[in-house]
Amino acid sequence: MSNERINVTRSSMPSFEEYMERLRPVWESRWLSNRGRASEDFEKDLKEYLGCENVWLFANGHVAMEVALQSLAMKGEVITTAYTHISTTNAIVRNGLTPVFVDVKEDDYTINPELIEAAITDKTVAIVATHVYGFLCDTAAIDAIAKKHNLKVVYDAAHAFGVTKNGVSAANFGDAAMFSTHATKVFHTIEGGLVAYKDAEMFNAMQYIVNFGFTSHEEAEYVGTNARMNEFEAVMGICNLRHLDEEIAKRKIAGDRYFERLSGIKGIKLIVPPADLKWNYAYFPVIFDGYKEDRDQIKAKLEQENIFARKYFYPITTRFACYQDQYGRVDLPVSAHAADCVLTLPMYSDLTAADADRICDAILR
């Protein structure tokens, strides 16, 4: 049996020749940043692929979320979850907003809409919800609550690029959706992020905040940052977008093998995509709950066989030292249980069915 290392993820890449061919005009122009031609072309490609009206590019997903929230100029409370990357919580807090944490659903670990309304106060201004592992939140229920209480809705869609529900792209739910395009994601630009949004006027400030707040060469009307995607990253995005559907199809091969081998095993729970969801196989979470060994033991034994899985998300954000004192006592039993039991198995387009078998064999041993 092969003992070749299997990492939790591996970046999809176009051929070197394809990338260099598309990069050549950038190289010759020496326009390497500040919204050059490649960035403009990339935005056009994204709008077409995602079926959305507006897209803005960013240096990374975190700053994309932070700037999107800043552009709304809100003050008050934001209902959110702790079963997410700490980036989501940080973006809220760094905007001077107060996170109000509610628990997630047991079936897919996205925000539980039944708990949102009870958490709304006269200080609530928005809902920031995370699409987890490419499984979308209950967008219809969240939209209804937001309309009833006049709240903004921003989705952390870092895991959801290429996902659709009933044919509608994840880019078109809520007032805005942030996608991470980091190298570990199903679609990447080496490093980067983007925000898709509906109302251009509502998010007008984003285009200035990303560039230090400048509204002209001599005027800065916003307290901005430097959050621009560079042209090398935009070219990588253009190239990778051409191949994304085939890359997702490759990921599905390993994903289907995981479902085949691990379904129906006592103590192992899998999240099955609903029929109305076109999933992107961004991650493959397995919940070890009552299995013969716990999640941490399984992770350690996989590593002994040169297989590297990830505890993700762990811990929930309220348990990090920077939030523990203020939010550590918030009761989030489903989130806490998920953080203790979920292991995301290796998933990338080059992962073969034989690789998946090797991983499953190790788990079942």
Protein backbone atom coordinates (compact mmCIF):
# COMPACT_ATOMS: atom_id res chain seq x y z
CA MET A 1 0.00 0.00 0.00
CA SER A 2 1.31 3.47 -0.90
CA ASN A 3 2.40 5.66 1.97
CA GLU A 4 2.59 8.84 -0.07
CA ARG A 5 1.54 11.89 1.92
CA ILE A 6 -2.07 13.01 1.46
CA ASN A 7 -2.71 16.58 2.57
CA VAL A 8 -6.10 17.95 3.53
CA THR A 9 -6.09 20.12 0.41
CA ARG A 10 -4.06 20.90 -2.69
CA SER A 11 -4.49 23.89 -4.96
CA SER A 12 -5.94 23.46 -8.44
CA MET A 13 -3.75 25.06 -11.07
CA PRO A 14 -3.95 25.83 -14.78
CA SER A 15 -1.05 24.73 -16.91
CA PHE A 16 2.04 26.89 -16.59
CA GLU A 17 1.81 27.69 -20.31
CA GLU A 18 -1.81 28.82 -20.05
CA TYR A 19 -1.05 31.07 -17.10
CA MET A 20 2.00 32.62 -18.74
CA GLU A 21 0.13 33.24 -21.99
CA ARG A 22 -2.61 35.15 -20.16
CA LEU A 23 -0.05 36.90 -17.96
CA ARG A 24 2.07 38.16 -20.87
CA PRO A 25 0.03 41.36 -21.52
CA VAL A 26 0.25 42.23 -17.82
CA TRP A 27 3.99 41.62 -17.85
CA GLU A 28 4.49 43.80 -20.90
CA SER A 29 2.25 46.60 -19.62
CA ARG A 30 3.91 46.63 -16.18
CA TRP A 31 0.51 47.56 -14.76
CA LEU A 32 0.69 45.11 -11.87
CA SER A 33 -1.94 46.43 -9.43
CA ASN A 34 -4.52 49.24 -9.00
CA ARG A 35 -7.29 47.67 -11.13
CA GLY A 36 -5.57 46.98 -14.40
CA ARG A 37 -7.00 45.28 -17.45
CA ALA A 38 -6.74 41.80 -15.96
CA SER A 39 -8.83 42.80 -12.94
CA GLU A 40 -11.49 44.32 -15.18
CA ASP A 41 -11.60 41.21 -17.37
CA PHE A 42 -11.75 38.97 -14.32
CA GLU A 43 -14.71 40.88 -12.88
CA LYS A 44 -16.58 40.47 -16.17
CA ASP A 45 -15.91 36.72 -16.15
CA LEU A 46 -17.07 36.46 -12.54
CA LYS A 47 -20.33 38.29 -13.19
CA GLU A 48 -21.07 35.90 -16.04
CA TYR A 49 -20.16 32.75 -14.09
CA LEU A 50 -21.91 33.77 -10.88
CA GLY A 51 -24.90 35.34 -12.62
CA CYS A 52 -24.69 38.48 -10.50
CA GLU A 53 -24.77 42.19 -11.30
CA ASN A 54 -21.90 43.52 -9.20
CA VAL A 55 -18.53 42.16 -8.07
CA TRP A 56 -15.56 43.81 -6.40
CA LEU A 57 -12.13 42.22 -5.99
CA PHE A 58 -10.06 42.17 -2.80
CA ALA A 59 -6.63 41.17 -1.54
CA ASN A 60 -8.17 38.41 0.61
CA GLY A 61 -11.49 37.15 1.90
CA HIS A 62 -11.15 38.62 5.37
CA VAL A 63 -10.61 42.17 4.21
CA ALA A 64 -13.45 41.67 1.71
CA MET A 65 -15.87 40.95 4.56
CA GLU A 66 -14.45 43.73 6.70
CA VAL A 67 -14.77 46.33 3.93
CA ALA A 68 -18.26 45.16 2.94
CA LEU A 69 -19.47 45.67 6.50
CA GLN A 70 -17.67 49.01 6.79
CA SER A 71 -19.30 50.27 3.62
CA LEU A 72 -22.73 49.81 5.22
CA ALA A 73 -21.77 52.27 8.00
CA MET A 74 -23.75 50.37 10.62
CA LYS A 75 -23.76 50.70 14.40
CA GLY A 76 -25.25 48.16 16.76
CA GLU A 77 -25.65 44.40 17.02
CA VAL A 78 -25.11 41.73 14.39
CA ILE A 79 -26.63 38.28 14.73
CA THR A 80 -24.13 35.63 13.72
CA THR A 81 -22.71 32.22 14.64
CA ALA A 82 -19.57 31.00 16.36
CA TYR A 83 -19.30 27.92 14.14
CA THR A 84 -17.26 29.73 11.51
CA HIS A 85 -13.73 30.88 10.86
CA ILE A 86 -12.55 33.48 13.36
CA SER A 87 -12.25 35.88 10.40
CA THR A 88 -16.05 36.27 10.33
CA THR A 89 -16.25 37.29 13.97
CA ASN A 90 -13.17 39.50 13.68
CA ALA A 91 -14.65 41.39 10.73
CA ILE A 92 -17.75 42.20 12.78
CA VAL A 93 -15.83 43.29 15.86
CA ARG A 94 -13.22 45.30 13.93
CA ASN A 95 -16.09 47.36 12.51
CA GLY A 96 -17.19 48.35 16.02
CA LEU A 97 -20.24 46.10 15.83
CA THR A 98 -21.38 43.73 18.58
CA PRO A 99 -21.77 40.07 17.62
CA VAL A 100 -24.80 38.31 19.07
CA PHE A 101 -24.26 34.57 18.76
CA VAL A 102 -27.00 32.04 18.06
CA ASP A 103 -26.59 28.33 17.53
CA VAL A 104 -26.53 26.35 14.29
CA LYS A 105 -28.72 23.60 12.87
CA GLU A 106 -27.81 19.98 13.57
CA ASP A 107 -28.21 18.84 9.96
CA ASP A 108 -25.64 21.11 8.26
CA TYR A 109 -24.23 23.46 10.95
CA THR A 110 -25.47 26.64 9.27
CA ILE A 111 -27.23 29.31 11.34
CA ASN A 112 -30.55 28.20 12.83
CA PRO A 113 -33.24 30.63 11.60
CA GLU A 114 -35.56 29.58 14.42
CA LEU A 115 -33.15 31.20 16.89
CA ILE A 116 -32.55 34.43 14.99
CA GLU A 117 -35.80 36.25 15.71
CA ALA A 118 -35.58 35.71 19.47
CA ALA A 119 -32.14 37.35 19.42
CA ILE A 120 -33.30 40.53 17.66
CA THR A 121 -33.37 43.71 19.74
CA ASP A 122 -33.81 47.38 18.95
CA LYS A 123 -30.03 47.47 18.44
CA THR A 124 -29.92 44.75 15.79
CA VAL A 125 -28.81 46.02 12.38
CA ALA A 126 -27.76 42.93 10.42
CA ILE A 127 -27.40 39.17 10.10
CA VAL A 128 -24.00 37.79 9.11
CA ALA A 129 -24.37 34.09 8.35
CA THR A 130 -21.87 31.51 7.09
CA HIS A 131 -22.48 28.95 4.37
CA VAL A 132 -20.66 25.99 5.92
CA TYR A 133 -18.66 23.48 3.81
CA GLY A 134 -20.52 24.69 0.72
CA PHE A 135 -23.95 23.93 2.25
CA LEU A 136 -26.09 27.05 2.01
CA CYS A 137 -27.99 28.60 4.89
CA ASP A 138 -31.79 28.63 4.87
CA THR A 139 -31.73 31.79 2.75
CA ALA A 140 -35.50 32.03 2.35
CA ALA A 141 -36.13 32.02 6.11
CA ILE A 142 -33.31 34.49 6.75
CA ASP A 143 -34.56 36.80 4.01
CA ALA A 144 -38.08 36.77 5.48
CA ILE A 145 -36.77 37.66 8.95
CA ALA A 146 -34.53 40.40 7.56
CA LYS A 147 -37.38 42.01 5.62
CA LYS A 148 -39.69 41.86 8.62
CA HIS A 149 -37.16 43.63 10.86
CA ASN A 150 -35.42 45.79 8.23
CA LEU A 151 -32.03 44.14 8.65
CA LYS A 152 -29.09 43.85 6.27
CA VAL A 153 -27.94 40.33 5.37
CA VAL A 154 -24.33 39.57 4.49
CA TYR A 155 -23.22 36.00 3.84
CA ASP A 156 -19.80 34.59 4.51
CA ALA A 157 -19.72 32.47 1.36
CA ALA A 158 -16.03 31.61 1.63
CA HIS A 159 -16.88 27.92 1.11
CA ALA A 160 -19.61 28.38 -1.47
CA PHE A 161 -18.07 29.47 -4.77
CA GLY A 162 -19.86 27.69 -7.60
CA VAL A 163 -22.73 26.52 -5.40
CA THR A 164 -26.31 27.05 -6.57
CA LYS A 165 -29.69 26.45 -4.94
CA ASN A 166 -32.53 25.77 -7.36
CA GLY A 167 -30.26 27.18 -10.05
CA VAL A 168 -29.58 30.43 -8.18
CA SER A 169 -25.95 31.21 -7.40
CA ALA A 170 -24.82 31.70 -3.82
CA ALA A 171 -23.69 35.14 -5.02
CA ASN A 172 -27.31 36.27 -5.26
CA PHE A 173 -28.55 35.65 -1.73
CA GLY A 174 -28.64 38.42 0.86
CA ASP A 175 -27.51 41.98 0.28
CA ALA A 176 -23.97 40.76 -0.32
CA ALA A 177 -21.91 37.58 -0.31
CA MET A 178 -18.20 37.37 0.42
CA PHE A 179 -16.15 34.66 -1.28
CA SER A 180 -12.61 33.75 -0.28
CA THR A 181 -10.36 32.90 -3.21
CA HIS A 182 -7.44 31.75 -1.08
CA ALA A 183 -5.20 29.01 -2.48
CA THR A 184 -6.92 26.36 -0.33
CA LYS A 185 -10.37 27.04 -1.76
CA VAL A 186 -12.18 25.14 -4.52
CA PHE A 187 -11.66 28.23 -6.70
CA HIS A 188 -8.65 30.41 -6.02
CA THR A 189 -6.62 33.39 -7.14
CA ILE A 190 -3.54 32.40 -5.07
CA GLU A 191 -4.63 34.88 -2.39
CA GLY A 192 -7.75 36.97 -2.64
CA GLY A 193 -11.45 37.46 -2.13
CA LEU A 194 -14.47 39.11 -3.67
CA VAL A 195 -17.83 40.54 -2.74
CA ALA A 196 -20.90 40.03 -4.92
CA TYR A 197 -23.72 42.45 -4.20
CA LYS A 198 -27.09 43.59 -5.53
CA ASP A 199 -27.48 47.29 -4.72
CA ALA A 200 -24.53 49.24 -6.15
CA GLU A 201 -25.46 52.35 -4.20
CA MET A 202 -25.62 50.46 -0.90
CA PHE A 203 -22.04 49.23 -1.34
CA ASN A 204 -20.69 52.22 -3.24
CA ALA A 205 -18.13 52.99 -0.53
CA MET A 206 -16.30 49.68 -1.09
CA GLN A 207 -14.53 50.89 -4.22
CA TYR A 208 -12.97 53.72 -2.23
CA ILE A 209 -12.31 51.97 1.07
CA VAL A 210 -10.14 49.36 -0.69
CA ASN A 211 -7.83 52.15 -1.89
CA PHE A 212 -7.07 53.96 1.38
CA GLY A 213 -10.40 55.83 1.18
CA PHE A 214 -9.39 57.97 -1.81
CA THR A 215 -12.31 59.28 -3.86
CA SER A 216 -9.94 61.21 -6.15
CA HIS A 217 -6.19 61.73 -6.39
CA GLU A 218 -6.36 64.43 -3.75
CA GLU A 219 -9.40 63.56 -1.62
CA ALA A 220 -9.99 60.77 0.89
CA GLU A 221 -13.56 60.70 2.20
CA TYR A 222 -13.33 57.34 3.98
CA VAL A 223 -11.04 55.81 6.58
CA GLY A 224 -9.83 53.19 4.15
CA THR A 225 -7.33 50.39 3.86
CA ASN A 226 -5.20 48.77 1.18
CA ALA A 227 -7.28 45.82 0.03
CA ARG A 228 -6.68 45.56 -3.71
CA MET A 229 -6.17 42.33 -5.62
CA ASN A 230 -3.10 42.45 -7.84
CA GLU A 231 -2.99 41.59 -11.54
CA PHE A 232 -1.05 38.33 -11.14
CA GLU A 233 -3.85 37.05 -8.89
CA ALA A 234 -6.54 38.26 -11.28
CA VAL A 235 -4.87 36.32 -14.11
CA MET A 236 -4.81 33.18 -11.96
CA GLY A 237 -8.53 33.70 -11.36
CA ILE A 238 -9.25 34.09 -15.07
CA CYS A 239 -7.41 30.86 -15.85
CA ASN A 240 -8.84 28.82 -12.97
CA LEU A 241 -12.40 29.94 -13.71
CA ARG A 242 -12.12 28.38 -17.17
CA HIS A 243 -11.56 24.96 -15.59
CA LEU A 244 -13.66 25.23 -12.43
CA ASP A 245 -16.56 22.99 -13.46
CA GLU A 246 -14.23 20.17 -14.51
CA GLU A 247 -12.23 20.58 -11.29
CA ILE A 248 -15.41 20.26 -9.21
CA ALA A 249 -16.34 17.17 -11.23
CA LYS A 250 -12.98 15.64 -10.30
CA ARG A 251 -13.55 16.42 -6.61
CA LYS A 252 -16.91 14.68 -6.86
CA ILE A 253 -15.20 11.39 -7.71
CA ALA A 254 -13.46 11.27 -4.33
CA GLY A 255 -16.54 12.68 -2.59
CA ASP A 256 -18.79 9.97 -4.02
CA ARG A 257 -16.32 7.32 -2.85
CA TYR A 258 -16.38 8.77 0.67
CA PHE A 259 -20.19 8.63 0.67
CA GLU A 260 -20.11 5.05 -0.61
CA ARG A 261 -17.60 3.80 1.96
CA LEU A 262 -18.60 5.75 5.07
CA SER A 263 -22.40 5.90 4.86
CA GLY A 264 -24.35 3.73 7.28
CA ILE A 265 -21.41 3.22 9.66
CA LYS A 266 -22.43 3.35 13.31
CA GLY A 267 -21.01 6.45 14.98
CA ILE A 268 -20.24 8.21 11.68
CA LYS A 269 -22.50 10.93 10.32
CA LEU A 270 -22.20 12.51 6.87
CA ILE A 271 -23.90 15.67 5.59
CA VAL A 272 -25.72 14.81 2.37
CA PRO A 273 -26.35 17.68 -0.08
CA PRO A 274 -30.09 18.35 -0.54
CA ALA A 275 -31.59 17.72 -3.98
CA ASP A 276 -31.99 21.44 -4.75
CA LEU A 277 -28.29 22.16 -4.13
CA LYS A 278 -25.54 21.98 -6.71
CA TRP A 279 -22.67 21.37 -4.31
CA ASN A 280 -19.01 22.23 -4.95
CA TYR A 281 -17.29 19.53 -2.85
CA ALA A 282 -15.25 22.28 -1.20
CA TYR A 283 -14.81 20.20 1.96
CA PHE A 284 -15.83 16.76 3.13
CA PRO A 285 -16.88 16.89 6.80
CA VAL A 286 -17.29 13.67 8.76
CA ILE A 287 -18.88 13.70 12.21
CA PHE A 288 -17.48 11.10 14.60
CA ASP A 289 -20.14 10.77 17.30
CA GLY A 290 -20.22 7.47 19.14
CA TYR A 291 -17.74 5.82 16.77
CA LYS A 292 -15.29 3.29 18.23
CA GLU A 293 -12.70 6.08 18.48
CA ASP A 294 -13.25 9.81 18.80
CA ARG A 295 -12.41 12.51 16.28
CA ASP A 296 -9.03 13.41 17.77
CA GLN A 297 -7.96 9.76 17.93
CA ILE A 298 -8.95 9.23 14.31
CA LYS A 299 -7.03 12.35 13.25
CA ALA A 300 -3.89 11.19 15.08
CA LYS A 301 -4.05 7.69 13.60
CA LEU A 302 -4.54 9.06 10.09
CA GLU A 303 -1.42 11.16 10.56
CA GLN A 304 0.48 7.99 11.50
CA GLU A 305 -0.45 6.74 8.03
CA ASN A 306 0.68 10.01 6.39
CA ILE A 307 -2.91 11.24 5.90
CA PHE A 308 -3.68 14.74 7.11
CA ALA A 309 -7.24 15.77 7.91
CA ARG A 310 -8.37 18.96 9.69
CA LYS A 311 -10.48 19.85 12.72
CA TYR A 312 -12.58 22.53 11.05
CA PHE A 313 -14.07 24.62 12.59
CA TYR A 314 -12.24 24.24 15.88
CA PRO A 315 -12.72 25.76 18.35
CA ILE A 316 -15.88 27.82 17.98
CA THR A 317 -14.93 31.49 17.91
CA THR A 318 -16.33 32.27 21.36
CA ARG A 319 -13.72 29.91 22.82
CA PHE A 320 -10.69 31.78 21.45
CA ALA A 321 -8.75 33.74 24.06
CA CYS A 322 -9.64 37.09 22.49
CA TYR A 323 -13.39 36.40 22.91
CA GLN A 324 -13.48 33.98 25.83
CA ASP A 325 -13.99 36.54 28.60
CA GLN A 326 -16.87 38.32 26.87
CA TYR A 327 -18.61 35.50 25.00
CA GLY A 328 -17.22 32.25 26.37
CA ARG A 329 -20.30 31.53 28.47
CA VAL A 330 -22.78 31.88 25.59
CA ASP A 331 -24.58 28.53 25.39
CA LEU A 332 -24.12 27.10 21.89
CA PRO A 333 -24.44 23.33 22.39
CA VAL A 334 -24.80 22.28 18.75
CA SER A 335 -21.86 24.43 17.66
CA ALA A 336 -19.67 23.17 20.50
CA HIS A 337 -20.57 19.55 19.75
CA ALA A 338 -19.76 20.01 16.06
CA ALA A 339 -16.40 21.57 16.90
CA ASP A 340 -15.57 18.51 19.02
CA CYS A 341 -16.71 15.88 16.48
CA VAL A 342 -16.12 17.13 12.92
CA LEU A 343 -13.10 16.12 10.90
CA THR A 344 -12.78 17.37 7.32
CA LEU A 345 -11.15 14.70 5.20
CA PRO A 346 -8.72 15.42 2.35
CA MET A 347 -10.50 16.91 -0.66
CA TYR A 348 -9.03 18.29 -3.86
CA SER A 349 -9.34 17.68 -7.59
CA ASP A 350 -6.27 15.43 -7.84
CA LEU A 351 -7.52 13.15 -5.05
CA THR A 352 -8.35 9.83 -6.67
CA ALA A 353 -10.91 7.20 -5.76
CA ALA A 354 -7.96 5.01 -4.73
CA ASP A 355 -6.76 7.78 -2.39
CA ALA A 356 -10.25 8.00 -0.90
CA ASP A 357 -10.25 4.22 -0.43
CA ARG A 358 -6.94 4.42 1.41
CA ILE A 359 -8.37 7.07 3.74
CA CYS A 360 -11.59 5.14 4.32
CA ASP A 361 -9.68 1.92 4.95
CA ALA A 362 -7.66 3.67 7.64
CA ILE A 363 -10.78 5.09 9.30
CA LEU A 364 -12.63 1.78 9.24
CA ARG A 365 -9.63 -0.02 10.74
